[in-house]
Amino acid sequence: MLRSSLRRTAAMAVAIAATAATAAALGGGATASAAPAAGRTPTCDVSGLRASLSDKGGHQHGMSHEGTVLVLTNTSGRACALRGYPGLQLEDSRHKAVDTSTSWGSTYFVPDPGKSTLLLKPGGSAEAALAWAHADAPRMVKAGYLRITPPASRDHLTIPFDKTVTNGDLSVTAFTRSITVS
């Protein structure tokens, strides 16, 4: 009777740990993604993503603010899941990290769509609105590049970002299927 109870307890602990690892992988936390459970879509990994910026033909300039759309495209041959907000880090022209502060939520131009789990098929994309100010301030950061850490990843992608950012402060929405820019 005691052995049977211990076996059930051990089996339940393993099941709970597997469920927690899968939830962390899809939940946008800062931990590396665990191996997916049977039937689960793996979290998008930087080795299968391409980052780019797009103005989408919209106008995101005004009152000393500027914005763009951050796009992550699945370049792998398999579907992957993406949920939450990107980590962002400014770099100077020599790829040296500079002090950066990132706020998650609505930007100056675009309301935050909130977290949702997106299934990215091969070739599929997710978008987030990215904004910053470029008003005079005691600390103006001249960026050359932008590091993007996808949700639930420890690795990052780096893209050109030749911008001046007030105090190194960025704001970004959660990833969604498509950002509307007017």
N, C-alpha and C. Protein backbone atom coordinates (compact mmCIF):
# COMPACT_ATOMS: atom_id res chain seq x y z
N MET A 1 0.82 -1.19 0.00
CA MET A 1 0.00 0.00 0.00
C MET A 1 0.87 1.25 0.00
N LEU A 2 1.90 1.32 0.85
CA LEU A 2 2.77 2.47 0.92
C LEU A 2 3.54 2.66 -0.39
N ARG A 3 4.06 1.55 -0.98
CA ARG A 3 4.78 1.64 -2.26
C ARG A 3 3.89 2.16 -3.36
N SER A 4 2.68 1.69 -3.41
CA SER A 4 1.72 2.13 -4.43
C SER A 4 1.46 3.63 -4.29
N SER A 5 1.29 4.08 -3.06
CA SER A 5 1.06 5.50 -2.80
C SER A 5 2.27 6.34 -3.21
N LEU A 6 3.48 5.85 -2.91
CA LEU A 6 4.69 6.57 -3.28
C LEU A 6 4.84 6.64 -4.80
N ARG A 7 4.51 5.54 -5.50
CA ARG A 7 4.59 5.54 -6.97
C ARG A 7 3.62 6.56 -7.57
N ARG A 8 2.40 6.60 -7.03
CA ARG A 8 1.41 7.57 -7.53
C ARG A 8 1.89 8.99 -7.28
N THR A 9 2.46 9.26 -6.12
CA THR A 9 2.96 10.58 -5.78
C THR A 9 4.11 10.97 -6.71
N ALA A 10 5.02 10.05 -6.96
CA ALA A 10 6.15 10.32 -7.85
C ALA A 10 5.65 10.57 -9.28
N ALA A 11 4.70 9.77 -9.75
CA ALA A 11 4.15 9.96 -11.10
C ALA A 11 3.45 11.31 -11.22
N MET A 12 2.73 11.70 -10.17
CA MET A 12 2.04 12.98 -10.18
C MET A 12 3.04 14.13 -10.20
N ALA A 13 4.14 14.01 -9.45
CA ALA A 13 5.17 15.05 -9.42
C ALA A 13 5.80 15.23 -10.80
N VAL A 14 6.06 14.13 -11.49
CA VAL A 14 6.62 14.19 -12.84
C VAL A 14 5.63 14.86 -13.78
N ALA A 15 4.37 14.53 -13.70
CA ALA A 15 3.34 15.13 -14.56
C ALA A 15 3.22 16.63 -14.30
N ILE A 16 3.26 17.03 -13.03
CA ILE A 16 3.18 18.45 -12.69
C ILE A 16 4.39 19.19 -13.22
N ALA A 17 5.58 18.62 -13.07
CA ALA A 17 6.80 19.27 -13.58
C ALA A 17 6.74 19.42 -15.09
N ALA A 18 6.27 18.41 -15.80
CA ALA A 18 6.16 18.49 -17.26
C ALA A 18 5.17 19.56 -17.67
N THR A 19 4.04 19.65 -16.97
CA THR A 19 3.05 20.67 -17.28
C THR A 19 3.61 22.06 -17.01
N ALA A 20 4.32 22.24 -15.91
CA ALA A 20 4.91 23.54 -15.57
C ALA A 20 5.96 23.94 -16.61
N ALA A 21 6.77 23.01 -17.06
CA ALA A 21 7.79 23.32 -18.07
C ALA A 21 7.15 23.74 -19.37
N THR A 22 6.09 23.08 -19.78
CA THR A 22 5.38 23.44 -21.01
C THR A 22 4.73 24.80 -20.86
N ALA A 23 4.12 25.06 -19.72
CA ALA A 23 3.48 26.36 -19.49
C ALA A 23 4.52 27.48 -19.51
N ALA A 24 5.67 27.25 -18.92
CA ALA A 24 6.73 28.27 -18.93
C ALA A 24 7.22 28.50 -20.35
N ALA A 25 7.33 27.46 -21.14
CA ALA A 25 7.81 27.60 -22.52
C ALA A 25 6.83 28.40 -23.35
N LEU A 26 5.55 28.25 -23.15
CA LEU A 26 4.56 28.96 -23.93
C LEU A 26 4.12 30.25 -23.27
N GLY A 27 4.48 30.47 -22.03
CA GLY A 27 3.97 31.60 -21.29
C GLY A 27 4.75 32.88 -21.42
N GLY A 28 5.83 32.91 -22.17
CA GLY A 28 6.55 34.15 -22.37
C GLY A 28 7.52 34.49 -21.27
N GLY A 29 7.83 33.57 -20.39
CA GLY A 29 8.79 33.84 -19.33
C GLY A 29 10.19 33.95 -19.88
N ALA A 30 11.13 34.30 -19.06
CA ALA A 30 12.50 34.52 -19.51
C ALA A 30 13.33 33.23 -19.49
N THR A 31 12.71 32.10 -19.20
CA THR A 31 13.47 30.87 -19.15
C THR A 31 13.55 30.23 -20.52
N ALA A 32 14.55 29.42 -20.75
CA ALA A 32 14.67 28.72 -22.02
C ALA A 32 13.54 27.72 -22.13
N SER A 33 13.12 27.47 -23.37
CA SER A 33 11.99 26.58 -23.55
C SER A 33 12.41 25.13 -23.31
N ALA A 34 11.52 24.40 -22.66
CA ALA A 34 11.75 22.98 -22.41
C ALA A 34 11.29 22.19 -23.62
N ALA A 35 11.67 20.93 -23.67
CA ALA A 35 11.22 20.07 -24.76
C ALA A 35 9.70 19.98 -24.69
N PRO A 36 9.02 20.12 -25.85
CA PRO A 36 7.56 20.13 -25.82
C PRO A 36 6.99 18.77 -25.47
N ALA A 37 5.87 18.78 -24.78
CA ALA A 37 5.17 17.54 -24.48
C ALA A 37 4.56 17.02 -25.78
N ALA A 38 4.25 15.75 -25.80
CA ALA A 38 3.66 15.15 -27.00
C ALA A 38 2.42 15.93 -27.39
N GLY A 39 2.31 16.29 -28.68
CA GLY A 39 1.16 17.02 -29.17
C GLY A 39 1.24 18.52 -29.00
N ARG A 40 2.27 19.05 -28.35
CA ARG A 40 2.41 20.49 -28.13
C ARG A 40 3.31 21.10 -29.20
N THR A 41 3.02 22.33 -29.56
CA THR A 41 3.84 23.05 -30.51
C THR A 41 5.03 23.65 -29.75
N PRO A 42 6.25 23.46 -30.25
CA PRO A 42 7.41 24.03 -29.55
C PRO A 42 7.42 25.56 -29.62
N THR A 43 8.05 26.17 -28.64
CA THR A 43 8.22 27.61 -28.61
C THR A 43 9.19 28.03 -29.73
N CYS A 44 8.91 29.17 -30.35
CA CYS A 44 9.79 29.68 -31.41
C CYS A 44 11.18 29.93 -30.85
N ASP A 45 12.18 29.50 -31.58
CA ASP A 45 13.58 29.63 -31.19
C ASP A 45 14.27 30.58 -32.16
N VAL A 46 15.24 31.36 -31.68
CA VAL A 46 15.91 32.34 -32.55
C VAL A 46 16.55 31.71 -33.78
N SER A 47 16.93 30.44 -33.71
CA SER A 47 17.54 29.80 -34.87
C SER A 47 16.55 29.65 -36.02
N GLY A 48 15.27 29.77 -35.73
CA GLY A 48 14.24 29.66 -36.76
C GLY A 48 13.43 30.93 -36.93
N LEU A 49 13.99 32.06 -36.52
CA LEU A 49 13.29 33.34 -36.64
C LEU A 49 14.16 34.38 -37.35
N ARG A 50 13.50 35.29 -38.05
CA ARG A 50 14.17 36.45 -38.64
C ARG A 50 13.44 37.69 -38.12
N ALA A 51 14.19 38.69 -37.68
CA ALA A 51 13.62 39.93 -37.19
C ALA A 51 13.77 41.03 -38.24
N SER A 52 12.76 41.89 -38.32
CA SER A 52 12.83 43.04 -39.22
C SER A 52 11.93 44.14 -38.67
N LEU A 53 12.07 45.33 -39.25
CA LEU A 53 11.23 46.48 -38.89
C LEU A 53 10.45 46.90 -40.12
N SER A 54 9.21 47.36 -39.91
CA SER A 54 8.36 47.77 -41.01
C SER A 54 7.52 48.96 -40.59
N ASP A 55 7.37 49.94 -41.47
CA ASP A 55 6.47 51.05 -41.15
C ASP A 55 5.04 50.72 -41.58
N LYS A 56 4.86 49.64 -42.34
CA LYS A 56 3.56 49.17 -42.80
C LYS A 56 2.78 50.27 -43.52
N GLY A 57 3.48 51.27 -44.03
CA GLY A 57 2.81 52.33 -44.76
C GLY A 57 2.08 53.31 -43.87
N GLY A 58 2.25 53.19 -42.57
CA GLY A 58 1.55 54.06 -41.63
C GLY A 58 2.41 55.21 -41.16
N HIS A 59 1.82 56.07 -40.36
CA HIS A 59 2.50 57.26 -39.85
C HIS A 59 2.66 57.13 -38.35
N GLN A 60 3.90 56.96 -37.88
CA GLN A 60 4.16 56.89 -36.45
C GLN A 60 5.24 57.91 -36.09
N HIS A 61 4.92 59.17 -36.33
CA HIS A 61 5.82 60.28 -36.00
C HIS A 61 4.96 61.41 -35.45
N GLY A 62 5.37 61.99 -34.34
CA GLY A 62 4.65 63.14 -33.82
C GLY A 62 4.99 63.42 -32.38
N MET A 63 4.97 64.70 -32.02
CA MET A 63 5.22 65.14 -30.66
C MET A 63 6.51 64.54 -30.09
N SER A 64 7.56 64.56 -30.89
CA SER A 64 8.88 64.05 -30.50
C SER A 64 8.90 62.55 -30.25
N HIS A 65 7.95 61.83 -30.82
CA HIS A 65 7.89 60.36 -30.71
C HIS A 65 8.00 59.76 -32.10
N GLU A 66 8.48 58.54 -32.13
CA GLU A 66 8.61 57.81 -33.38
C GLU A 66 8.29 56.35 -33.10
N GLY A 67 7.81 55.65 -34.11
CA GLY A 67 7.49 54.24 -33.93
C GLY A 67 7.65 53.45 -35.20
N THR A 68 7.67 52.15 -35.03
CA THR A 68 7.79 51.23 -36.14
C THR A 68 7.14 49.91 -35.72
N VAL A 69 7.08 48.98 -36.64
CA VAL A 69 6.53 47.66 -36.33
C VAL A 69 7.66 46.65 -36.34
N LEU A 70 7.80 45.91 -35.25
CA LEU A 70 8.78 44.85 -35.12
C LEU A 70 8.13 43.56 -35.62
N VAL A 71 8.78 42.88 -36.55
CA VAL A 71 8.23 41.67 -37.16
C VAL A 71 9.17 40.50 -36.90
N LEU A 72 8.63 39.40 -36.39
CA LEU A 72 9.37 38.15 -36.28
C LEU A 72 8.74 37.16 -37.25
N THR A 73 9.56 36.59 -38.14
CA THR A 73 9.09 35.66 -39.16
C THR A 73 9.69 34.29 -38.90
N ASN A 74 8.86 33.26 -38.97
CA ASN A 74 9.29 31.88 -38.78
C ASN A 74 9.99 31.42 -40.05
N THR A 75 11.29 31.21 -39.98
CA THR A 75 12.08 30.75 -41.12
C THR A 75 12.39 29.25 -41.05
N SER A 76 11.86 28.59 -40.03
CA SER A 76 12.12 27.16 -39.88
C SER A 76 11.13 26.37 -40.74
N GLY A 77 11.31 25.10 -40.80
CA GLY A 77 10.42 24.24 -41.56
C GLY A 77 9.29 23.64 -40.73
N ARG A 78 9.09 24.16 -39.50
CA ARG A 78 8.05 23.62 -38.63
C ARG A 78 7.33 24.77 -37.93
N ALA A 79 6.10 24.50 -37.51
CA ALA A 79 5.33 25.50 -36.78
C ALA A 79 5.94 25.70 -35.39
N CYS A 80 5.77 26.90 -34.86
CA CYS A 80 6.23 27.19 -33.50
C CYS A 80 5.26 28.16 -32.84
N ALA A 81 5.33 28.23 -31.52
CA ALA A 81 4.42 29.08 -30.75
C ALA A 81 5.18 30.28 -30.19
N LEU A 82 4.51 31.42 -30.16
CA LEU A 82 5.08 32.66 -29.64
C LEU A 82 4.01 33.32 -28.78
N ARG A 83 4.40 33.77 -27.56
CA ARG A 83 3.44 34.40 -26.67
C ARG A 83 4.12 35.46 -25.82
N GLY A 84 3.63 36.67 -25.91
CA GLY A 84 4.10 37.70 -25.00
C GLY A 84 4.87 38.82 -25.66
N TYR A 85 5.79 39.37 -24.88
CA TYR A 85 6.52 40.58 -25.25
C TYR A 85 7.98 40.26 -25.53
N PRO A 86 8.61 41.02 -26.44
CA PRO A 86 10.03 40.83 -26.69
C PRO A 86 10.87 41.56 -25.63
N GLY A 87 12.06 41.03 -25.39
CA GLY A 87 13.06 41.77 -24.63
C GLY A 87 13.81 42.63 -25.64
N LEU A 88 14.16 43.86 -25.27
CA LEU A 88 14.84 44.77 -26.18
C LEU A 88 16.08 45.37 -25.52
N GLN A 89 17.12 45.54 -26.29
CA GLN A 89 18.37 46.13 -25.81
C GLN A 89 18.99 46.94 -26.94
N LEU A 90 19.28 48.19 -26.68
CA LEU A 90 19.97 49.02 -27.67
C LEU A 90 21.46 48.72 -27.64
N GLU A 91 22.09 48.80 -28.81
CA GLU A 91 23.53 48.67 -28.95
C GLU A 91 24.04 49.90 -29.70
N ASP A 92 25.29 50.27 -29.42
CA ASP A 92 25.89 51.37 -30.19
C ASP A 92 26.38 50.83 -31.54
N SER A 93 27.05 51.67 -32.30
CA SER A 93 27.49 51.28 -33.65
C SER A 93 28.55 50.18 -33.64
N ARG A 94 29.17 49.91 -32.47
CA ARG A 94 30.17 48.83 -32.36
C ARG A 94 29.60 47.59 -31.67
N HIS A 95 28.28 47.51 -31.58
CA HIS A 95 27.56 46.39 -30.95
C HIS A 95 27.77 46.30 -29.44
N LYS A 96 28.13 47.41 -28.81
CA LYS A 96 28.24 47.44 -27.36
C LYS A 96 26.89 47.83 -26.77
N ALA A 97 26.40 47.03 -25.81
CA ALA A 97 25.11 47.31 -25.18
C ALA A 97 25.15 48.66 -24.47
N VAL A 98 24.08 49.42 -24.60
CA VAL A 98 23.94 50.70 -23.90
C VAL A 98 22.71 50.60 -22.99
N ASP A 99 22.69 51.42 -21.93
CA ASP A 99 21.57 51.38 -20.98
C ASP A 99 20.25 51.55 -21.71
N THR A 100 19.37 50.59 -21.50
CA THR A 100 18.06 50.57 -22.16
C THR A 100 17.00 50.21 -21.13
N SER A 101 15.87 50.86 -21.23
CA SER A 101 14.71 50.53 -20.41
C SER A 101 13.54 50.24 -21.35
N THR A 102 12.89 49.10 -21.15
CA THR A 102 11.78 48.73 -22.01
C THR A 102 10.49 48.62 -21.21
N SER A 103 9.46 49.30 -21.68
CA SER A 103 8.13 49.22 -21.06
C SER A 103 7.24 48.36 -21.94
N TRP A 104 6.57 47.38 -21.33
CA TRP A 104 5.64 46.51 -22.04
C TRP A 104 4.23 47.04 -21.88
N GLY A 105 3.51 47.13 -22.98
CA GLY A 105 2.13 47.62 -22.95
C GLY A 105 1.87 48.49 -24.16
N SER A 106 0.93 49.41 -24.04
CA SER A 106 0.61 50.31 -25.14
C SER A 106 1.77 51.24 -25.43
N THR A 107 1.94 51.62 -26.69
CA THR A 107 2.95 52.60 -27.08
C THR A 107 2.26 53.94 -27.28
N TYR A 108 3.01 54.96 -27.62
CA TYR A 108 2.47 56.29 -27.87
C TYR A 108 1.44 56.23 -29.01
N PHE A 109 1.61 55.29 -29.94
CA PHE A 109 0.77 55.24 -31.14
C PHE A 109 -0.22 54.08 -31.19
N VAL A 110 0.08 52.97 -30.52
CA VAL A 110 -0.69 51.74 -30.71
C VAL A 110 -1.07 51.14 -29.35
N PRO A 111 -2.37 50.80 -29.17
CA PRO A 111 -2.77 50.13 -27.91
C PRO A 111 -2.23 48.70 -27.86
N ASP A 112 -1.95 48.25 -26.65
CA ASP A 112 -1.43 46.89 -26.46
C ASP A 112 -2.53 45.87 -26.70
N PRO A 113 -2.29 44.87 -27.55
CA PRO A 113 -3.31 43.84 -27.77
C PRO A 113 -3.38 42.82 -26.64
N GLY A 114 -2.39 42.82 -25.74
CA GLY A 114 -2.33 41.83 -24.66
C GLY A 114 -1.73 40.53 -25.15
N LYS A 115 -1.33 39.70 -24.20
CA LYS A 115 -0.71 38.42 -24.54
C LYS A 115 -1.72 37.46 -25.15
N SER A 116 -1.28 36.77 -26.18
CA SER A 116 -2.04 35.65 -26.75
C SER A 116 -1.02 34.71 -27.38
N THR A 117 -1.33 33.44 -27.37
CA THR A 117 -0.41 32.46 -27.97
C THR A 117 -0.65 32.43 -29.47
N LEU A 118 0.40 32.66 -30.24
CA LEU A 118 0.33 32.68 -31.69
C LEU A 118 1.02 31.45 -32.25
N LEU A 119 0.37 30.78 -33.16
CA LEU A 119 0.98 29.66 -33.86
C LEU A 119 1.54 30.20 -35.16
N LEU A 120 2.86 30.15 -35.30
CA LEU A 120 3.51 30.63 -36.52
C LEU A 120 3.87 29.44 -37.40
N LYS A 121 3.18 29.30 -38.50
CA LYS A 121 3.52 28.26 -39.46
C LYS A 121 4.78 28.69 -40.19
N PRO A 122 5.47 27.78 -40.87
CA PRO A 122 6.65 28.19 -41.64
C PRO A 122 6.31 29.36 -42.57
N GLY A 123 7.09 30.41 -42.49
CA GLY A 123 6.85 31.62 -43.28
C GLY A 123 5.91 32.60 -42.63
N GLY A 124 5.24 32.21 -41.53
CA GLY A 124 4.31 33.09 -40.84
C GLY A 124 5.02 34.11 -39.98
N SER A 125 4.33 35.21 -39.67
CA SER A 125 4.93 36.30 -38.91
C SER A 125 4.05 36.73 -37.74
N ALA A 126 4.69 37.38 -36.77
CA ALA A 126 4.01 38.05 -35.66
C ALA A 126 4.57 39.46 -35.59
N GLU A 127 3.74 40.40 -35.12
CA GLU A 127 4.15 41.80 -35.08
C GLU A 127 3.94 42.40 -33.70
N ALA A 128 4.78 43.37 -33.37
CA ALA A 128 4.65 44.16 -32.15
C ALA A 128 4.95 45.60 -32.50
N ALA A 129 4.24 46.52 -31.88
CA ALA A 129 4.51 47.95 -32.10
C ALA A 129 5.65 48.38 -31.17
N LEU A 130 6.59 49.13 -31.73
CA LEU A 130 7.76 49.61 -30.99
C LEU A 130 7.80 51.13 -31.12
N ALA A 131 7.99 51.83 -30.00
CA ALA A 131 8.02 53.30 -30.04
C ALA A 131 9.05 53.84 -29.06
N TRP A 132 9.48 55.09 -29.31
CA TRP A 132 10.46 55.77 -28.47
C TRP A 132 10.31 57.27 -28.70
N ALA A 133 10.86 58.04 -27.79
CA ALA A 133 10.90 59.50 -27.94
C ALA A 133 12.29 59.91 -28.41
N HIS A 134 12.35 61.05 -29.05
CA HIS A 134 13.65 61.61 -29.46
C HIS A 134 13.67 63.10 -29.15
N ALA A 135 13.13 63.45 -27.99
CA ALA A 135 13.12 64.82 -27.51
C ALA A 135 14.42 65.11 -26.77
N ASP A 136 14.75 66.38 -26.67
CA ASP A 136 15.96 66.75 -25.93
C ASP A 136 15.83 66.31 -24.48
N ALA A 137 16.87 65.71 -23.96
CA ALA A 137 16.92 65.25 -22.58
C ALA A 137 18.38 65.20 -22.16
N PRO A 138 18.64 65.11 -20.88
CA PRO A 138 20.04 65.04 -20.43
C PRO A 138 20.78 63.83 -21.02
N ARG A 139 20.06 62.74 -21.27
CA ARG A 139 20.74 61.55 -21.81
C ARG A 139 20.06 61.11 -23.10
N MET A 140 20.73 61.35 -24.20
CA MET A 140 20.25 60.92 -25.50
C MET A 140 21.13 59.75 -25.94
N VAL A 141 20.52 58.61 -26.26
CA VAL A 141 21.25 57.42 -26.66
C VAL A 141 21.24 57.30 -28.18
N LYS A 142 22.43 57.26 -28.76
CA LYS A 142 22.57 57.05 -30.20
C LYS A 142 22.76 55.56 -30.43
N ALA A 143 21.73 54.93 -30.95
CA ALA A 143 21.78 53.49 -31.19
C ALA A 143 22.24 53.20 -32.62
N GLY A 144 22.85 52.05 -32.77
CA GLY A 144 23.22 51.56 -34.09
C GLY A 144 22.51 50.25 -34.41
N TYR A 145 22.17 49.52 -33.33
CA TYR A 145 21.55 48.21 -33.48
C TYR A 145 20.53 47.99 -32.37
N LEU A 146 19.64 47.02 -32.60
CA LEU A 146 18.64 46.63 -31.62
C LEU A 146 18.69 45.13 -31.45
N ARG A 147 18.85 44.69 -30.19
CA ARG A 147 18.77 43.26 -29.86
C ARG A 147 17.31 42.94 -29.53
N ILE A 148 16.83 41.85 -30.09
CA ILE A 148 15.47 41.41 -29.84
C ILE A 148 15.52 40.00 -29.27
N THR A 149 15.01 39.84 -28.05
CA THR A 149 14.92 38.52 -27.43
C THR A 149 13.46 38.09 -27.48
N PRO A 150 13.15 37.07 -28.27
CA PRO A 150 11.76 36.61 -28.36
C PRO A 150 11.27 36.10 -27.00
N PRO A 151 9.96 36.12 -26.78
CA PRO A 151 9.41 35.58 -25.54
C PRO A 151 9.90 34.15 -25.31
N ALA A 152 10.17 33.82 -24.07
CA ALA A 152 10.60 32.48 -23.64
C ALA A 152 11.94 32.07 -24.22
N SER A 153 12.79 33.04 -24.51
CA SER A 153 14.11 32.74 -25.07
C SER A 153 15.19 33.47 -24.28
N ARG A 154 16.38 32.91 -24.30
CA ARG A 154 17.54 33.58 -23.69
C ARG A 154 18.46 34.12 -24.77
N ASP A 155 18.25 33.69 -26.00
CA ASP A 155 19.06 34.15 -27.12
C ASP A 155 18.37 35.33 -27.79
N HIS A 156 19.14 36.06 -28.61
CA HIS A 156 18.56 37.23 -29.25
C HIS A 156 18.97 37.31 -30.73
N LEU A 157 18.23 38.14 -31.43
CA LEU A 157 18.53 38.50 -32.81
C LEU A 157 18.96 39.96 -32.78
N THR A 158 19.82 40.38 -33.70
CA THR A 158 20.26 41.77 -33.75
C THR A 158 20.01 42.32 -35.14
N ILE A 159 19.41 43.53 -35.18
CA ILE A 159 19.13 44.18 -36.45
C ILE A 159 19.61 45.63 -36.40
N PRO A 160 19.89 46.23 -37.56
CA PRO A 160 20.27 47.65 -37.58
C PRO A 160 19.15 48.52 -37.02
N PHE A 161 19.53 49.55 -36.27
CA PHE A 161 18.56 50.46 -35.64
C PHE A 161 19.27 51.79 -35.43
N ASP A 162 19.41 52.57 -36.46
CA ASP A 162 20.14 53.83 -36.44
C ASP A 162 19.20 54.94 -35.97
N LYS A 163 19.00 55.03 -34.66
CA LYS A 163 18.05 55.98 -34.07
C LYS A 163 18.64 56.63 -32.84
N THR A 164 18.13 57.80 -32.52
CA THR A 164 18.45 58.47 -31.27
C THR A 164 17.24 58.30 -30.36
N VAL A 165 17.48 57.80 -29.14
CA VAL A 165 16.40 57.43 -28.23
C VAL A 165 16.58 58.18 -26.91
N THR A 166 15.57 58.95 -26.52
CA THR A 166 15.61 59.69 -25.27
C THR A 166 15.78 58.73 -24.09
N ASN A 167 16.82 58.93 -23.32
CA ASN A 167 17.13 58.15 -22.12
C ASN A 167 17.23 56.64 -22.37
N GLY A 168 17.25 56.20 -23.61
CA GLY A 168 17.30 54.77 -23.91
C GLY A 168 16.00 54.06 -23.60
N ASP A 169 14.88 54.83 -23.54
CA ASP A 169 13.58 54.28 -23.18
C ASP A 169 12.80 53.83 -24.41
N LEU A 170 12.41 52.56 -24.43
CA LEU A 170 11.60 51.99 -25.50
C LEU A 170 10.28 51.50 -24.92
N SER A 171 9.23 51.51 -25.74
CA SER A 171 7.98 50.86 -25.34
C SER A 171 7.57 49.92 -26.46
N VAL A 172 6.98 48.79 -26.07
CA VAL A 172 6.63 47.76 -27.06
C VAL A 172 5.37 47.03 -26.61
N THR A 173 4.53 46.68 -27.60
CA THR A 173 3.33 45.91 -27.32
C THR A 173 3.66 44.43 -27.34
N ALA A 174 2.70 43.62 -26.94
CA ALA A 174 2.82 42.17 -27.08
C ALA A 174 2.75 41.82 -28.57
N PHE A 175 3.29 40.66 -28.90
CA PHE A 175 3.18 40.19 -30.28
C PHE A 175 1.74 39.82 -30.59
N THR A 176 1.33 40.12 -31.81
CA THR A 176 0.01 39.78 -32.30
C THR A 176 0.13 39.44 -33.79
N ARG A 177 -0.95 39.00 -34.40
CA ARG A 177 -0.91 38.63 -35.82
C ARG A 177 -0.54 39.83 -36.69
N SER A 178 -1.18 40.98 -36.43
CA SER A 178 -0.96 42.14 -37.28
C SER A 178 -1.22 43.41 -36.48
N ILE A 179 -0.32 44.37 -36.58
CA ILE A 179 -0.47 45.67 -35.94
C ILE A 179 -1.09 46.62 -36.95
N THR A 180 -2.10 47.36 -36.53
CA THR A 180 -2.73 48.36 -37.40
C THR A 180 -2.07 49.70 -37.14
N VAL A 181 -1.51 50.27 -38.20
CA VAL A 181 -0.87 51.58 -38.13
C VAL A 181 -1.68 52.53 -39.01
N SER A 182 -2.14 53.63 -38.44
CA SER A 182 -2.93 54.57 -39.26
C SER A 182 -2.16 55.82 -39.59
